[in-house]
Amino acid sequence: MLEFPKKLSEARIMIANDDSIHAEGIKVLEEIMLTITPDVWVVAPETQQSAAGHSLTIHSPLRMKEYDKRHFSVYGTPTDTVLVGVQKIMKEVRPHLVVSGINHGQNTADDVTYSGTIAAAIEATLMAIPAIAFSQDFDEAGGKPDWAIAREYVPRILKAFEGKSWEHNLLMNVNFPVRIEGVTPEIRPVAQGHYSMEKQDMDYRIDPRGRPYFWIGPPPARDEHDHTLDMGALAAGHVTVTPLSLNLTHYPTLVELGKVFK
């Protein structure tokens, strides 16, 4: 079982992300964490790593940059940063909790398979440290994240988890909505949704030297009508909490395969 800190005010927390150590979201998350405990460390990618997924750098060296005794960056992926952070930087002061984010943009439905924000939480989970990924929805067509809901609800969510435990292969995925007039956000435990990549936008373009290239666009439109799923509840203006399992085995099919190959 993964044991969430029983007393957050005495917990040691490591913050990671995929938008880089320079992103506004990670600075907001650090500000929030420092209102909970003074023992906060930041280890994040030096450069933007969105959609890096759970990738690990194995064919080139990993370089680290120390900003001060509690702030470090790694020239690698979100997975790299958590690995380096826990195994090297914080080797003598292992974190009790890893929080990832706050991501610029939601991580719902099939985003979780691409997300570097989720990947950082996955790596912590694999090292037996409870982890939560935080993401903030916003209008990516010229909009800017509003962190007010996150500032209010992150402490509430962490307080609710205080002293709790969950299975060793689980992490929590939290998404904050765009504020909707007349809607008071509720904290909704919901399942992961799904969108079809068959409609993924991909522009075909020609560079100045006449060579063709492709530019992958934003994810396809999501079905936001089902409020029992993360993307629907988020679109309705609520904070979503989704437990994600790292064991991808489909057990009903495993049983059927036992019959096929007996």
Protein backbone atom coordinates (compact mmCIF):
# COMPACT_ATOMS: atom_id res chain seq x y z
CA MET A 1 0.00 0.00 0.00
CA LEU A 2 1.08 3.59 -0.64
CA GLU A 3 0.78 5.60 2.57
CA PHE A 4 -0.20 9.24 2.16
CA PRO A 5 1.43 11.51 4.79
CA LYS A 6 -0.49 11.49 8.06
CA LYS A 7 0.55 15.05 8.86
CA LEU A 8 1.14 17.18 5.78
CA SER A 9 2.63 20.01 7.80
CA GLU A 10 5.58 17.69 8.53
CA ALA A 11 5.74 16.08 5.10
CA ARG A 12 8.58 16.41 2.59
CA ILE A 13 7.13 17.12 -0.86
CA MET A 14 8.78 17.04 -4.26
CA ILE A 15 7.22 18.94 -7.16
CA ALA A 16 7.73 17.96 -10.80
CA ASN A 17 5.98 18.81 -14.07
CA ASP A 18 6.32 18.66 -17.86
CA ASP A 19 5.97 22.36 -18.75
CA SER A 20 9.49 23.06 -17.34
CA ILE A 21 10.82 24.57 -14.15
CA HIS A 22 10.14 28.01 -15.64
CA ALA A 23 6.39 27.48 -16.12
CA GLU A 24 3.83 29.52 -14.25
CA GLY A 25 1.91 26.42 -13.16
CA ILE A 26 4.79 24.88 -11.22
CA LYS A 27 5.42 28.19 -9.46
CA VAL A 28 1.77 28.34 -8.44
CA LEU A 29 1.92 24.77 -7.15
CA GLU A 30 5.04 25.56 -5.14
CA GLU A 31 3.32 28.57 -3.58
CA ILE A 32 0.40 26.36 -2.58
CA MET A 33 2.63 23.62 -1.17
CA LEU A 34 4.58 26.12 0.92
CA THR A 35 1.35 27.09 2.69
CA ILE A 36 1.07 23.43 3.76
CA THR A 37 4.66 22.49 4.64
CA PRO A 38 8.01 24.29 4.56
CA ASP A 39 9.80 21.18 3.26
CA VAL A 40 9.20 21.59 -0.47
CA TRP A 41 11.64 20.65 -3.25
CA VAL A 42 11.31 21.35 -6.99
CA VAL A 43 12.90 19.06 -9.57
CA ALA A 44 11.58 19.62 -13.08
CA PRO A 45 12.64 19.58 -16.73
CA GLU A 46 14.72 22.53 -17.86
CA THR A 47 12.76 22.75 -21.13
CA GLN A 48 9.18 22.18 -22.25
CA GLN A 49 8.34 18.45 -22.28
CA SER A 50 4.59 18.33 -22.87
CA ALA A 51 3.32 15.07 -24.41
CA ALA A 52 6.63 13.36 -23.62
CA GLY A 53 4.68 10.52 -22.02
CA HIS A 54 6.46 8.08 -19.73
CA SER A 55 9.71 8.26 -21.67
CA LEU A 56 13.16 7.72 -20.22
CA THR A 57 16.45 9.05 -21.59
CA ILE A 58 18.86 6.12 -22.08
CA HIS A 59 21.00 7.06 -25.12
CA SER A 60 22.41 10.37 -23.91
CA PRO A 61 23.66 11.74 -20.59
CA LEU A 62 21.36 13.57 -18.19
CA ARG A 63 22.60 16.95 -17.08
CA MET A 64 21.34 18.76 -14.01
CA LYS A 65 21.17 22.46 -13.16
CA GLU A 66 21.06 23.62 -9.54
CA TYR A 67 19.29 26.93 -9.00
CA ASP A 68 19.53 26.69 -5.22
CA LYS A 69 19.38 24.00 -2.50
CA ARG A 70 15.70 23.27 -3.19
CA HIS A 71 15.35 24.01 -6.93
CA PHE A 72 16.86 21.82 -9.64
CA SER A 73 16.23 21.17 -13.30
CA VAL A 74 17.16 18.21 -15.46
CA TYR A 75 17.81 18.36 -19.19
CA GLY A 76 15.48 15.44 -19.81
CA THR A 77 11.92 14.20 -19.61
CA PRO A 78 9.51 14.39 -16.65
CA THR A 79 10.30 10.74 -15.94
CA ASP A 80 14.00 11.54 -15.88
CA THR A 81 13.48 14.40 -13.43
CA VAL A 82 11.61 12.28 -10.89
CA LEU A 83 14.16 9.47 -11.20
CA VAL A 84 17.08 11.88 -10.72
CA GLY A 85 15.22 13.80 -8.02
CA VAL A 86 14.41 10.79 -5.86
CA GLN A 87 17.48 8.63 -6.52
CA LYS A 88 20.15 11.35 -6.48
CA ILE A 89 19.12 14.86 -5.45
CA MET A 90 16.90 13.74 -2.56
CA LYS A 91 18.61 10.42 -1.90
CA GLU A 92 19.21 11.26 1.77
CA VAL A 93 15.86 13.04 2.26
CA ARG A 94 13.41 10.87 0.31
CA PRO A 95 10.09 12.66 -0.39
CA HIS A 96 6.91 11.51 1.34
CA LEU A 97 4.79 12.75 -1.57
CA VAL A 98 5.32 13.76 -5.20
CA VAL A 99 2.98 16.25 -6.83
CA SER A 100 3.15 16.99 -10.55
CA GLY A 101 1.92 20.14 -12.28
CA ILE A 102 0.06 22.31 -12.32
CA ASN A 103 -0.14 21.47 -16.01
CA HIS A 104 -1.16 24.17 -18.47
CA GLY A 105 -4.18 22.39 -19.95
CA GLN A 106 -6.38 19.49 -18.92
CA ASN A 107 -5.25 15.88 -18.76
CA THR A 108 -8.41 13.86 -19.19
CA ALA A 109 -9.42 10.78 -21.20
CA ASP A 110 -6.62 9.52 -23.45
CA ASP A 111 -4.42 12.51 -22.60
CA VAL A 112 -3.10 10.42 -19.72
CA THR A 113 -1.18 8.17 -22.13
CA TYR A 114 0.69 11.13 -23.64
CA SER A 115 0.99 13.41 -20.64
CA GLY A 116 4.38 14.15 -19.13
CA THR A 117 2.55 15.48 -16.08
CA ILE A 118 1.00 12.07 -15.51
CA ALA A 119 4.31 10.39 -16.34
CA ALA A 120 6.06 12.18 -13.48
CA ALA A 121 3.42 10.85 -11.10
CA ILE A 122 3.78 7.37 -12.63
CA GLU A 123 7.53 7.34 -11.99
CA ALA A 124 7.02 8.32 -8.36
CA THR A 125 4.42 5.57 -7.99
CA LEU A 126 6.86 3.03 -9.41
CA MET A 127 9.27 4.06 -6.66
CA ALA A 128 6.62 3.48 -3.99
CA ILE A 129 5.90 7.16 -3.35
CA PRO A 130 2.28 8.37 -3.38
CA ALA A 131 1.75 10.80 -6.25
CA ILE A 132 -0.87 13.22 -7.55
CA ALA A 133 -0.94 14.92 -10.95
CA PHE A 134 -2.64 18.34 -11.16
CA SER A 135 -3.83 19.99 -14.39
CA GLN A 136 -5.67 23.23 -15.13
CA ASP A 137 -8.10 23.46 -18.05
CA PHE A 138 -8.14 26.67 -20.08
CA ASP A 139 -8.95 27.98 -23.53
CA GLU A 140 -5.78 27.16 -25.44
CA ALA A 141 -6.87 29.34 -28.37
CA GLY A 142 -5.48 32.53 -26.91
CA GLY A 143 -6.62 32.01 -23.32
CA LYS A 144 -4.62 32.00 -20.10
CA PRO A 145 -4.98 29.65 -17.13
CA ASP A 146 -6.85 31.01 -14.11
CA TRP A 147 -5.22 29.43 -11.05
CA ALA A 148 -7.81 30.60 -8.51
CA ILE A 149 -9.72 27.30 -8.36
CA ALA A 150 -6.48 25.33 -8.02
CA ARG A 151 -5.31 27.59 -5.19
CA GLU A 152 -8.55 26.87 -3.34
CA TYR A 153 -8.94 23.17 -4.04
CA VAL A 154 -5.40 21.75 -3.94
CA PRO A 155 -5.19 22.15 -0.14
CA ARG A 156 -8.68 20.68 0.26
CA ILE A 157 -7.81 17.63 -1.82
CA LEU A 158 -4.52 17.06 -0.02
CA LYS A 159 -6.22 17.41 3.36
CA ALA A 160 -8.82 14.82 2.34
CA PHE A 161 -6.04 12.36 1.47
CA GLU A 162 -4.12 12.96 4.72
CA GLY A 163 -3.48 9.65 6.47
CA LYS A 164 -5.16 7.62 3.71
CA SER A 165 -3.60 4.81 1.70
CA TRP A 166 -4.16 3.28 -1.71
CA GLU A 167 -2.91 0.34 -3.74
CA HIS A 168 0.79 0.29 -4.64
CA ASN A 169 0.12 0.70 -8.37
CA LEU A 170 -2.27 3.68 -8.18
CA LEU A 171 -1.85 7.42 -8.68
CA MET A 172 -4.38 10.24 -8.57
CA ASN A 173 -5.17 12.46 -11.56
CA VAL A 174 -6.80 15.80 -10.67
CA ASN A 175 -8.15 18.35 -13.16
CA PHE A 176 -9.34 21.89 -12.39
CA PRO A 177 -12.06 23.44 -14.57
CA VAL A 178 -12.49 26.80 -16.22
CA ARG A 179 -14.76 28.79 -13.92
CA ILE A 180 -18.37 28.82 -15.11
CA GLU A 181 -20.64 31.61 -13.91
CA GLY A 182 -23.26 30.27 -11.50
CA VAL A 183 -21.45 26.96 -10.93
CA THR A 184 -19.76 26.20 -7.61
CA PRO A 185 -17.12 23.56 -8.37
CA GLU A 186 -17.62 20.24 -6.65
CA ILE A 187 -14.91 17.63 -6.19
CA ARG A 188 -16.10 14.76 -8.39
CA PRO A 189 -14.49 11.27 -8.28
CA VAL A 190 -14.97 10.13 -11.89
CA ALA A 191 -13.71 7.54 -14.35
CA GLN A 192 -11.33 8.22 -17.22
CA GLY A 193 -13.04 9.03 -20.50
CA HIS A 194 -12.01 8.33 -24.09
CA TYR A 195 -11.78 10.21 -27.37
CA SER A 196 -11.09 8.85 -30.84
CA MET A 197 -7.70 9.66 -32.37
CA GLU A 198 -9.14 8.94 -35.81
CA LYS A 199 -10.09 12.63 -35.96
CA GLN A 200 -6.73 13.96 -34.79
CA ASP A 201 -5.92 17.18 -36.63
CA MET A 202 -2.62 17.16 -38.53
CA ASP A 203 -1.62 19.99 -40.85
CA TYR A 204 0.40 19.29 -43.97
CA ARG A 205 2.75 22.17 -44.73
CA ILE A 206 5.74 23.11 -46.85
CA ASP A 207 8.84 24.67 -45.28
CA PRO A 208 10.80 27.58 -46.87
CA ARG A 209 13.08 25.09 -48.63
CA GLY A 210 10.14 23.35 -50.29
CA ARG A 211 10.19 20.27 -48.06
CA PRO A 212 6.93 18.86 -46.71
CA TYR A 213 6.28 18.44 -43.00
CA PHE A 214 3.39 17.75 -40.66
CA TRP A 215 2.27 19.66 -37.57
CA ILE A 216 0.11 17.75 -35.08
CA GLY A 217 -2.76 19.86 -33.77
CA PRO A 218 -4.73 19.74 -30.51
CA PRO A 219 -6.59 16.57 -29.46
CA PRO A 220 -9.91 15.82 -31.18
CA ALA A 221 -13.16 17.12 -29.71
CA ARG A 222 -14.30 15.22 -26.62
CA ASP A 223 -17.75 13.93 -25.76
CA GLU A 224 -18.48 16.14 -22.76
CA HIS A 225 -22.08 15.07 -22.16
CA ASP A 226 -21.36 12.21 -19.76
CA HIS A 227 -20.71 13.82 -16.39
CA THR A 228 -19.66 10.49 -14.87
CA LEU A 229 -16.43 10.76 -16.90
CA ASP A 230 -13.52 13.13 -16.30
CA MET A 231 -13.93 15.21 -19.45
CA GLY A 232 -17.68 15.68 -18.95
CA ALA A 233 -17.50 16.63 -15.27
CA LEU A 234 -14.62 19.01 -15.99
CA ALA A 235 -16.51 20.72 -18.82
CA ALA A 236 -19.46 21.17 -16.45
CA GLY A 237 -17.24 23.20 -14.14
CA HIS A 238 -16.20 20.63 -11.54
CA VAL A 239 -12.88 19.45 -10.11
CA THR A 240 -12.26 15.86 -11.17
CA VAL A 241 -10.31 13.20 -9.30
CA THR A 242 -9.53 9.98 -11.17
CA PRO A 243 -7.53 7.06 -9.75
CA LEU A 244 -5.27 5.61 -12.44
CA SER A 245 -3.86 2.10 -12.30
CA LEU A 246 -0.45 1.18 -13.66
CA ASN A 247 -1.44 -2.47 -14.13
CA LEU A 248 -2.82 -2.57 -17.67
CA THR A 249 -3.88 -6.21 -17.55
CA HIS A 250 -7.49 -6.76 -18.69
CA TYR A 251 -8.50 -9.52 -16.29
CA PRO A 252 -11.77 -10.68 -17.95
CA THR A 253 -9.83 -11.31 -21.17
CA LEU A 254 -7.07 -13.02 -19.19
CA VAL A 255 -9.66 -15.49 -17.93
CA GLU A 256 -10.91 -16.10 -21.47
CA LEU A 257 -7.35 -16.63 -22.71
CA GLY A 258 -6.91 -19.26 -20.03
CA LYS A 259 -9.80 -21.14 -21.61
CA VAL A 260 -8.44 -20.68 -25.15
CA PHE A 261 -4.95 -21.90 -24.34
CA LYS A 262 -5.70 -24.52 -21.70
